[in-house]
């Protein structure tokens, strides 16, 4: 990795960064080949948000509250689609909106002004870390989980120098809208206030002020729409065990070995044990990472890690666990909660690899190389497996022939029932 004081290494080629962003967009679009060319609706994206957009007035659909909070990407995309395009084309609108939102963290990294991202090779590594976290399929190319990409975008803005000109307006738009996409972004408001105070920065304070209105809206909604299935915080050992599996073992060992370890741990928890080593693992791993980040002396890496830890704690403690907190021990459950912390962990390591003392740079680079190897292998396996689902156009054709038909969604088992309207789109 480049030394701490490295200047831009784009070689004077203005197309390098746009080219990297285009490659990232292609990686996102191609990770689920079966989506194309018709698109798909994923779980609550159809069951809740399309159903509301189809049946309710536009303003009611746009402000739909599900599991205790507002999810503006899902409600806005489905409402827009229902009113603008034929039912057959609704998934293309939602996929397009999701792709646009999911490119936002990549654009912010490329334009961030973080000094170690001036080298295009380091930026390429950062974008790869963003593209290939293991078992993260549920967060891509749908609007209901785009909120986790928005959380990541807010964390990147926190770690970046305040933007100027067009970038400042992009930062402002993201920060104003982010809390309305889901409550996770609002969790970062205390860090914005802390950075404004430590930096004595009016620009940082303005950023915090932009986050505040949406954060207050989500707090009010969460308080007035309690979700009984959010009970994970009552079982701290299960929370730490879930963090160990998803945030430490999975990125390092890949899914197969991690599944075996976590099944044994789940059996221990179910029998009344606590799998002490597993519970202590995330504390030790992130404690070591925090020490390395602190020694690197790099402000961006420090704020990236601070955002990682806060989002990880908030996401796992408030996770939706329908069958109880032990759900978190399942490697294939709730990986949306792991996505942003996993990427931020990698980015903090990348900061250490480019700015830390030489021994730390060597160690961090080795860990990063391994994380990328595991991630790329998982990405390639997912593309080869080519998980699919029902054809939306075929489902709509069946519904048009039989209005009582419930349209099948992705993943298998999810459906949405739509009533025939007098002037259906």
Protein backbone atom coordinates (compact mmCIF):
# COMPACT_ATOMS: atom_id res chain seq x y z
CA UNK A 1 0.00 0.00 0.00
CA UNK A 2 1.07 3.59 -0.54
CA UNK A 3 2.89 5.50 2.18
CA UNK A 4 1.06 7.93 4.38
CA UNK A 5 2.17 11.02 2.55
CA UNK A 6 1.43 9.78 -0.94
CA UNK A 7 0.01 12.26 -3.43
CA UNK A 8 -2.44 11.40 -6.17
CA UNK A 9 -1.37 8.30 -8.09
CA UNK A 10 -3.96 8.50 -10.86
CA UNK A 11 -1.15 9.03 -13.31
CA UNK A 12 -2.88 12.07 -14.80
CA UNK A 13 -5.54 9.85 -16.34
CA UNK A 14 -8.97 11.43 -15.70
CA UNK A 15 -10.78 8.24 -16.67
CA UNK A 16 -9.33 6.07 -13.88
CA UNK A 17 -11.80 6.93 -11.15
CA UNK A 18 -14.89 6.89 -13.42
CA UNK A 19 -13.60 3.60 -14.79
CA UNK A 20 -13.33 2.13 -11.29
CA UNK A 21 -16.85 3.30 -10.51
CA UNK A 22 -18.13 1.74 -13.72
CA UNK A 23 -16.41 -1.53 -12.83
CA UNK A 24 -17.98 -1.40 -9.37
CA UNK A 25 -21.43 -0.81 -10.89
CA UNK A 26 -20.90 -3.80 -13.18
CA UNK A 27 -19.94 -6.00 -10.21
CA UNK A 28 -23.14 -5.00 -8.44
CA UNK A 29 -25.37 -5.48 -11.48
CA UNK A 30 -23.86 -8.84 -12.43
CA UNK A 31 -23.80 -10.46 -9.00
CA UNK A 32 -27.43 -11.62 -9.50
CA UNK A 33 -27.67 -12.53 -13.19
CA UNK A 34 -31.19 -13.99 -12.87
CA UNK A 35 -32.61 -10.52 -12.13
CA UNK A 36 -32.13 -9.42 -15.71
CA UNK A 37 -33.90 -8.44 -17.89
CA UNK A 38 -37.19 -8.27 -15.94
CA UNK A 39 -36.07 -7.29 -12.44
CA UNK A 40 -37.49 -8.72 -9.23
CA UNK A 41 -39.23 -7.68 -6.03
CA UNK A 42 -37.66 -8.89 -2.81
CA UNK A 43 -39.77 -9.96 0.19
CA UNK A 44 -41.34 -6.92 1.92
CA UNK A 45 -40.53 -4.83 -1.14
CA UNK A 46 -43.55 -6.50 -2.72
CA UNK A 47 -45.49 -7.88 0.22
CA UNK A 48 -45.63 -4.58 2.14
CA UNK A 49 -44.56 -1.67 -0.03
CA UNK A 50 -45.96 -2.63 -3.43
CA UNK A 51 -49.22 -3.72 -1.79
CA UNK A 52 -49.52 -0.32 -0.10
CA UNK A 53 -48.55 1.61 -3.23
CA UNK A 54 -51.17 -0.35 -5.20
CA UNK A 55 -54.06 0.00 -2.75
CA UNK A 56 -53.45 3.19 -0.75
CA UNK A 57 -53.37 6.89 -1.67
CA UNK A 58 -49.89 7.94 -2.76
CA UNK A 59 -49.24 9.96 0.40
CA UNK A 60 -50.18 7.01 2.63
CA UNK A 61 -47.99 4.63 0.62
CA UNK A 62 -45.07 7.08 0.70
CA UNK A 63 -45.19 7.27 4.51
CA UNK A 64 -45.77 3.55 5.12
CA UNK A 65 -44.34 2.41 8.47
CA UNK A 66 -43.19 -1.21 8.71
CA UNK A 67 -41.44 -2.91 11.67
CA UNK A 68 -41.46 0.42 13.48
CA UNK A 69 -39.80 2.82 11.03
CA UNK A 70 -40.00 4.62 7.70
CA UNK A 71 -38.09 3.15 4.74
CA UNK A 72 -38.21 5.90 2.12
CA UNK A 73 -36.36 4.05 -0.69
CA UNK A 74 -38.85 1.18 -0.61
CA UNK A 75 -41.97 3.32 -0.20
CA UNK A 76 -40.93 5.98 -2.72
CA UNK A 77 -39.71 3.55 -5.40
CA UNK A 78 -42.83 1.38 -5.32
CA UNK A 79 -45.16 4.39 -5.18
CA UNK A 80 -43.37 6.01 -8.11
CA UNK A 81 -43.41 2.79 -10.10
CA UNK A 82 -47.11 2.08 -9.58
CA UNK A 83 -48.07 5.55 -10.76
CA UNK A 84 -45.67 5.79 -13.69
CA UNK A 85 -45.21 2.38 -15.32
CA UNK A 86 -47.14 -0.78 -16.08
CA UNK A 87 -47.21 -3.44 -13.37
CA UNK A 88 -44.90 -5.61 -15.48
CA UNK A 89 -42.17 -2.95 -15.23
CA UNK A 90 -42.43 -2.14 -11.51
CA UNK A 91 -39.36 -4.27 -10.54
CA UNK A 92 -37.19 -2.45 -13.07
CA UNK A 93 -37.92 0.82 -11.27
CA UNK A 94 -37.14 -0.62 -7.83
CA UNK A 95 -33.92 -2.26 -9.05
CA UNK A 96 -32.83 0.99 -10.73
CA UNK A 97 -33.48 3.01 -7.56
CA UNK A 98 -31.61 0.43 -5.49
CA UNK A 99 -28.64 0.44 -7.86
CA UNK A 100 -28.47 4.23 -7.75
CA UNK A 101 -28.48 4.27 -3.95
CA UNK A 102 -25.95 1.45 -3.76
CA UNK A 103 -23.52 3.35 -5.99
CA UNK A 104 -23.59 6.27 -3.55
CA UNK A 105 -20.96 4.91 -1.10
CA UNK A 106 -18.63 4.13 -4.01
CA UNK A 107 -19.01 7.66 -5.42
CA UNK A 108 -18.39 9.15 -1.98
CA UNK A 109 -15.23 7.07 -1.56
CA UNK A 110 -13.93 8.17 -4.97
CA UNK A 111 -14.63 11.84 -4.21
CA UNK A 112 -13.97 11.72 -0.48
CA UNK A 113 -10.73 13.67 -0.23
CA UNK A 114 -9.37 11.09 2.22
CA UNK A 115 -5.65 11.28 1.50
CA UNK A 116 -4.94 7.58 1.17
CA UNK A 117 -7.75 7.20 -1.35
CA UNK A 118 -5.95 9.57 -3.72
CA UNK A 119 -4.02 6.57 -5.00
CA UNK A 120 -6.26 4.78 -7.51
CA UNK A 121 -4.92 1.41 -6.39
CA UNK A 122 -6.03 2.04 -2.82
CA UNK A 123 -9.40 3.26 -4.10
CA UNK A 124 -9.73 0.05 -6.14
CA UNK A 125 -9.11 -1.97 -2.97
CA UNK A 126 -11.72 0.10 -1.10
CA UNK A 127 -14.32 -0.49 -3.81
CA UNK A 128 -13.53 -4.20 -3.81
CA UNK A 129 -14.08 -4.32 -0.04
CA UNK A 130 -17.45 -2.66 -0.63
CA UNK A 131 -18.44 -5.05 -3.42
CA UNK A 132 -17.61 -8.49 -2.00
CA UNK A 133 -18.53 -8.93 1.70
CA UNK A 134 -19.45 -12.61 2.14
CA UNK A 135 -23.08 -13.75 2.31
CA UNK A 136 -24.38 -10.23 1.69
CA UNK A 137 -26.76 -11.15 -1.12
CA UNK A 138 -29.84 -9.80 0.63
CA UNK A 139 -28.52 -6.21 0.64
CA UNK A 140 -28.04 -5.86 -3.12
CA UNK A 141 -30.41 -4.60 -5.82
CA UNK A 142 -33.51 -4.16 -3.71
CA UNK A 143 -34.87 -1.06 -2.02
CA UNK A 144 -35.78 -2.45 1.39
CA UNK A 145 -32.12 -3.09 2.31
CA UNK A 146 -30.67 -0.09 0.48
CA UNK A 147 -30.83 1.64 3.86
CA UNK A 148 -27.69 -0.27 4.87
CA UNK A 149 -25.80 1.24 1.94
CA UNK A 150 -27.08 4.67 2.95
CA UNK A 151 -25.76 4.07 6.48
CA UNK A 152 -22.39 3.32 4.93
CA UNK A 153 -22.56 6.54 2.91
CA UNK A 154 -23.19 8.56 6.09
CA UNK A 155 -20.19 6.91 7.76
CA UNK A 156 -17.97 7.76 4.77
CA UNK A 157 -19.05 11.41 4.90
CA UNK A 158 -18.21 11.46 8.62
CA UNK A 159 -14.67 10.27 7.88
CA UNK A 160 -14.15 12.56 4.86
CA UNK A 161 -13.14 16.22 4.79
CA UNK A 162 -16.18 18.49 4.42
CA UNK A 163 -17.00 18.76 0.74
CA UNK A 164 -16.81 21.83 -1.45
CA UNK A 165 -19.01 22.96 -4.33
CA UNK A 166 -20.93 20.02 -5.85
CA UNK A 167 -19.58 17.53 -3.33
CA UNK A 168 -20.88 19.64 -0.46
CA UNK A 169 -24.36 19.54 -1.99
CA UNK A 170 -24.12 15.77 -2.45
CA UNK A 171 -23.11 15.40 1.21
CA UNK A 172 -26.02 17.61 2.24
CA UNK A 173 -28.56 15.64 0.17
CA UNK A 174 -27.36 12.32 1.58
CA UNK A 175 -27.37 13.53 5.18
CA UNK A 176 -30.82 15.11 4.91
CA UNK A 177 -32.44 12.03 3.36
CA UNK A 178 -30.45 9.27 5.08
CA UNK A 179 -32.36 9.04 8.40
CA UNK A 180 -35.64 8.74 6.47
CA UNK A 181 -34.27 5.62 4.76
CA UNK A 182 -34.05 3.74 8.07
CA UNK A 183 -33.04 4.38 11.67
CA UNK A 184 -29.46 3.17 11.25
CA UNK A 185 -28.16 6.44 9.81
CA UNK A 186 -29.59 8.35 12.76
CA UNK A 187 -27.34 6.33 15.07
CA UNK A 188 -24.35 8.22 13.68
CA UNK A 189 -25.64 11.64 14.75
CA UNK A 190 -23.70 11.56 18.08
CA UNK A 191 -20.46 10.99 16.16
CA UNK A 192 -21.17 13.99 13.93
CA UNK A 193 -21.75 16.13 17.03
CA UNK A 194 -18.58 14.76 18.63
CA UNK A 195 -16.49 15.49 15.53
CA UNK A 196 -17.95 19.00 15.26
CA UNK A 197 -16.89 19.63 18.86
CA UNK A 198 -13.43 18.06 18.57
CA UNK A 199 -12.66 19.78 15.26
CA UNK A 200 -14.30 23.06 16.31
CA UNK A 201 -15.92 22.88 12.89
CA UNK A 202 -19.00 24.80 11.81
CA UNK A 203 -19.16 22.64 8.67
CA UNK A 204 -19.40 19.48 10.80
CA UNK A 205 -22.10 21.09 12.93
CA UNK A 206 -24.08 21.89 9.79
CA UNK A 207 -23.78 18.25 8.77
CA UNK A 208 -25.15 17.17 12.14
CA UNK A 209 -28.02 19.65 11.75
CA UNK A 210 -28.92 18.05 8.41
CA UNK A 211 -29.17 14.62 10.05
CA UNK A 212 -31.30 15.87 12.94
CA UNK A 213 -34.80 16.30 11.39
CA UNK A 214 -34.95 12.83 9.88
CA UNK A 215 -33.48 11.35 13.04
CA UNK A 216 -36.24 12.94 15.12
CA UNK A 217 -38.88 11.57 12.74
CA UNK A 218 -37.50 8.03 13.06
CA UNK A 219 -37.19 8.29 16.85
CA UNK A 220 -40.84 9.34 17.04
CA UNK A 221 -41.91 6.47 14.78
CA UNK A 222 -39.90 3.88 16.68
CA UNK A 223 -41.36 5.15 19.96
CA UNK A 224 -44.94 5.06 18.68
CA UNK A 225 -44.67 1.83 16.66
CA UNK A 226 -42.85 -0.61 18.95
CA UNK A 227 -41.77 -3.86 17.31
CA UNK A 228 -42.02 -6.84 19.72
CA UNK A 229 -39.56 -8.94 17.69
CA UNK A 230 -36.68 -6.58 18.45
CA UNK A 231 -35.54 -8.41 21.57
CA UNK A 232 -31.92 -9.20 20.78
CA UNK A 233 -30.61 -6.60 23.20
CA UNK A 234 -32.03 -8.64 26.07
CA UNK A 235 -29.49 -11.41 25.38
CA UNK A 236 -26.05 -9.79 25.30
CA UNK A 237 -24.21 -13.11 24.96
CA UNK A 238 -26.19 -13.95 21.81
CA UNK A 239 -25.46 -10.49 20.42
CA UNK A 240 -21.72 -10.95 20.98
CA UNK A 241 -21.91 -14.47 19.57
CA UNK A 242 -23.66 -13.16 16.47
CA UNK A 243 -20.97 -10.51 16.07
CA UNK A 244 -18.28 -13.17 16.40
CA UNK A 245 -19.83 -15.27 13.67
CA UNK A 246 -20.77 -12.55 11.19
CA UNK A 247 -18.11 -9.89 11.82
CA UNK A 248 -15.02 -11.97 12.60
CA UNK A 249 -15.31 -15.61 11.56
CA UNK A 250 -17.30 -15.22 8.34
CA UNK A 251 -14.99 -12.64 6.69
CA UNK A 252 -11.90 -14.61 7.73
CA UNK A 253 -13.01 -18.22 7.29
CA UNK A 254 -15.76 -18.06 4.71
CA UNK A 255 -19.25 -19.54 5.07
CA UNK A 256 -18.62 -23.29 5.19
CA UNK A 257 -16.28 -23.44 8.18
CA UNK A 258 -18.12 -20.61 9.94
CA UNK A 259 -21.42 -22.48 9.64
CA UNK A 260 -19.91 -25.53 11.34
CA UNK A 261 -18.48 -23.44 14.18
CA UNK A 262 -21.67 -21.46 14.72
CA UNK A 263 -23.90 -24.54 14.69
CA UNK A 264 -21.86 -25.95 17.55
CA UNK A 265 -22.06 -22.60 19.34
CA UNK A 266 -25.84 -22.43 18.84
CA UNK A 267 -26.22 -25.89 20.37
CA UNK A 268 -24.19 -24.72 23.37
CA UNK A 269 -26.36 -21.61 23.78
CA UNK A 270 -29.55 -23.64 23.44
CA UNK A 271 -28.31 -25.98 26.19
CA UNK A 272 -27.78 -23.04 28.53
CA UNK A 273 -24.09 -22.50 27.86
CA UNK A 274 -22.53 -19.28 26.68
CA UNK A 275 -19.61 -20.39 24.44
CA UNK A 276 -17.29 -18.04 26.33
CA UNK A 277 -14.52 -17.97 23.73
CA UNK A 278 -17.02 -17.01 21.06
CA UNK A 279 -18.48 -14.25 23.22
CA UNK A 280 -15.03 -12.80 23.89
CA UNK A 281 -13.86 -13.05 20.26
CA UNK A 282 -15.40 -9.80 18.93
CA UNK A 283 -14.17 -7.90 21.98
CA UNK A 284 -10.63 -9.12 21.39
CA UNK A 285 -10.70 -8.69 17.59
CA UNK A 286 -12.13 -5.18 17.57
CA UNK A 287 -10.02 -4.20 20.56
CA UNK A 288 -6.91 -5.17 18.58
CA UNK A 289 -8.20 -3.32 15.51
CA UNK A 290 -8.91 -0.22 17.60
CA UNK A 291 -5.34 -0.30 18.93
CA UNK A 292 -3.94 -0.55 15.41
CA UNK A 293 -6.16 2.25 14.11
CA UNK A 294 -5.21 4.49 16.99
CA UNK A 295 -1.50 3.88 16.43
CA UNK A 296 -1.89 4.70 12.74
CA UNK A 297 -2.78 8.25 13.73
CA UNK A 298 -5.05 8.64 10.71
CA UNK A 299 -8.27 10.59 11.46
CA UNK A 300 -10.25 8.99 8.63
CA UNK A 301 -9.46 5.46 9.81
CA UNK A 302 -10.39 6.40 13.38
CA UNK A 303 -13.78 7.81 12.40
CA UNK A 304 -14.49 4.89 10.09
CA UNK A 305 -13.87 2.49 12.95
CA UNK A 306 -15.93 4.58 15.38
CA UNK A 307 -18.85 4.47 12.92
CA UNK A 308 -18.33 0.73 12.50
CA UNK A 309 -18.52 0.05 16.22
CA UNK A 310 -21.55 2.25 16.78
CA UNK A 311 -23.48 0.82 13.83
CA UNK A 312 -22.55 -2.72 14.80
CA UNK A 313 -23.69 -2.28 18.40
CA UNK A 314 -26.93 -0.54 17.44
CA UNK A 315 -27.78 -2.94 14.61
CA UNK A 316 -27.27 -6.12 16.61
CA UNK A 317 -28.86 -4.87 19.82
CA UNK A 318 -31.93 -3.73 17.86
CA UNK A 319 -32.00 -6.59 15.36
CA UNK A 320 -35.31 -8.06 14.26
CA UNK A 321 -35.24 -11.64 15.58
CA UNK A 322 -38.69 -13.25 15.09
CA UNK A 323 -37.72 -16.53 16.78
CA UNK A 324 -35.66 -14.94 19.53
CA UNK A 325 -32.13 -13.54 20.00
CA UNK A 326 -30.47 -16.87 19.17
CA UNK A 327 -31.44 -16.16 15.55
CA UNK A 328 -28.29 -14.05 15.42
CA UNK A 329 -26.11 -17.14 15.75
CA UNK A 330 -27.28 -18.46 12.38
CA UNK A 331 -24.68 -17.51 9.77
CA UNK A 332 -27.28 -17.07 7.04
CA UNK A 333 -29.64 -14.94 9.16
CA UNK A 334 -29.65 -11.15 9.29
CA UNK A 335 -26.54 -10.56 7.23
CA UNK A 336 -27.92 -7.11 6.41
CA UNK A 337 -26.88 -6.12 9.93
CA UNK A 338 -23.32 -7.21 9.21
CA UNK A 339 -22.91 -5.45 5.86
CA UNK A 340 -21.97 -1.89 6.85
CA UNK A 341 -19.76 -2.92 9.82
CA UNK A 342 -17.94 -5.46 7.63
CA UNK A 343 -17.18 -2.86 4.95
CA UNK A 344 -16.17 -0.25 7.53
CA UNK A 345 -13.86 -2.76 9.22
CA UNK A 346 -12.14 -3.32 5.90
CA UNK A 347 -11.87 0.41 5.20
CA UNK A 348 -10.39 1.07 8.65
CA UNK A 349 -7.84 -1.69 7.99
CA UNK A 350 -7.09 -0.09 4.64
CA UNK A 351 -6.35 3.16 6.46
CA UNK A 352 -3.92 1.33 8.74
CA UNK A 353 -2.30 -0.38 5.74
CA UNK A 354 -1.59 2.97 4.12
CA UNK A 355 -0.79 5.25 7.07
CA UNK A 356 0.40 3.13 10.01
CA UNK A 357 3.92 2.25 11.18
CA UNK A 358 5.61 -0.29 8.92
CA UNK A 359 4.85 -3.42 11.01
CA UNK A 360 1.18 -2.46 11.20
CA UNK A 361 1.08 -1.71 7.47
CA UNK A 362 2.46 -5.15 6.67
CA UNK A 363 0.05 -6.93 8.99
CA UNK A 364 -2.98 -4.93 7.86
CA UNK A 365 -2.12 -5.50 4.20
CA UNK A 366 -1.88 -9.25 4.77
CA UNK A 367 -5.27 -9.34 6.52
CA UNK A 368 -6.83 -7.22 3.77
CA UNK A 369 -5.49 -9.50 1.08
CA UNK A 370 -7.03 -12.48 2.85
CA UNK A 371 -10.38 -10.71 3.35
CA UNK A 372 -10.50 -9.86 -0.34
CA UNK A 373 -9.61 -13.42 -1.32
CA UNK A 374 -12.45 -14.82 0.80
CA UNK A 375 -14.84 -12.16 -0.48
CA UNK A 376 -14.00 -12.66 -4.15
CA UNK A 377 -14.38 -16.43 -3.76
CA UNK A 378 -17.80 -15.91 -2.23
CA UNK A 379 -18.82 -13.47 -4.95
CA UNK A 380 -17.75 -15.90 -7.69
CA UNK A 381 -19.59 -18.78 -5.98
CA UNK A 382 -22.75 -16.69 -5.79
CA UNK A 383 -22.62 -15.80 -9.48
CA UNK A 384 -22.01 -19.45 -10.42
CA UNK A 385 -24.89 -20.58 -8.22
CA UNK A 386 -27.10 -18.00 -9.96
CA UNK A 387 -29.93 -18.13 -7.44
CA UNK A 388 -33.16 -17.24 -9.16
CA UNK A 389 -36.80 -16.71 -8.50
CA UNK A 390 -40.13 -16.46 -10.27
CA UNK A 391 -40.46 -14.43 -13.45
CA UNK A 392 -42.33 -11.27 -12.51
CA UNK A 393 -43.76 -10.84 -16.00
CA UNK A 394 -45.08 -14.41 -15.94
CA UNK A 395 -46.61 -13.80 -12.51
CA UNK A 396 -48.32 -10.64 -13.74
CA UNK A 397 -49.66 -12.52 -16.75
CA UNK A 398 -51.18 -15.14 -14.42
CA UNK A 399 -52.67 -12.39 -12.26
CA UNK A 400 -54.21 -10.65 -15.27
CA UNK A 401 -55.82 -13.95 -16.24
CA UNK A 402 -56.88 -14.70 -12.66
CA UNK A 403 -57.09 -11.66 -10.32
CA UNK A 404 -57.19 -14.01 -7.33
CA UNK A 405 -53.66 -15.20 -8.08
CA UNK A 406 -51.10 -14.08 -5.48
CA UNK A 407 -47.98 -12.95 -7.29
CA UNK A 408 -44.85 -14.84 -6.24
CA UNK A 409 -41.85 -12.80 -5.11
CA UNK A 410 -38.21 -13.48 -4.34
CA UNK A 411 -37.16 -15.34 -2.21
CA UNK A 412 -39.31 -18.45 -2.45
CA UNK A 413 -42.39 -18.42 -0.25
CA UNK A 414 -43.13 -14.70 -0.43
CA UNK A 415 -46.21 -13.46 -2.30
CA UNK A 416 -48.29 -10.32 -2.73
CA UNK A 417 -52.03 -10.19 -3.36
CA UNK A 418 -53.21 -7.27 -5.50
CA UNK A 419 -56.84 -6.40 -6.06
CA UNK A 420 -57.93 -5.68 -9.63
CA UNK A 421 -58.43 -1.92 -9.99
CA UNK A 422 -60.90 -0.15 -12.19
CA UNK A 423 -58.02 1.41 -14.12
CA UNK A 424 -55.07 -0.77 -13.27
CA UNK A 425 -51.71 0.45 -14.56
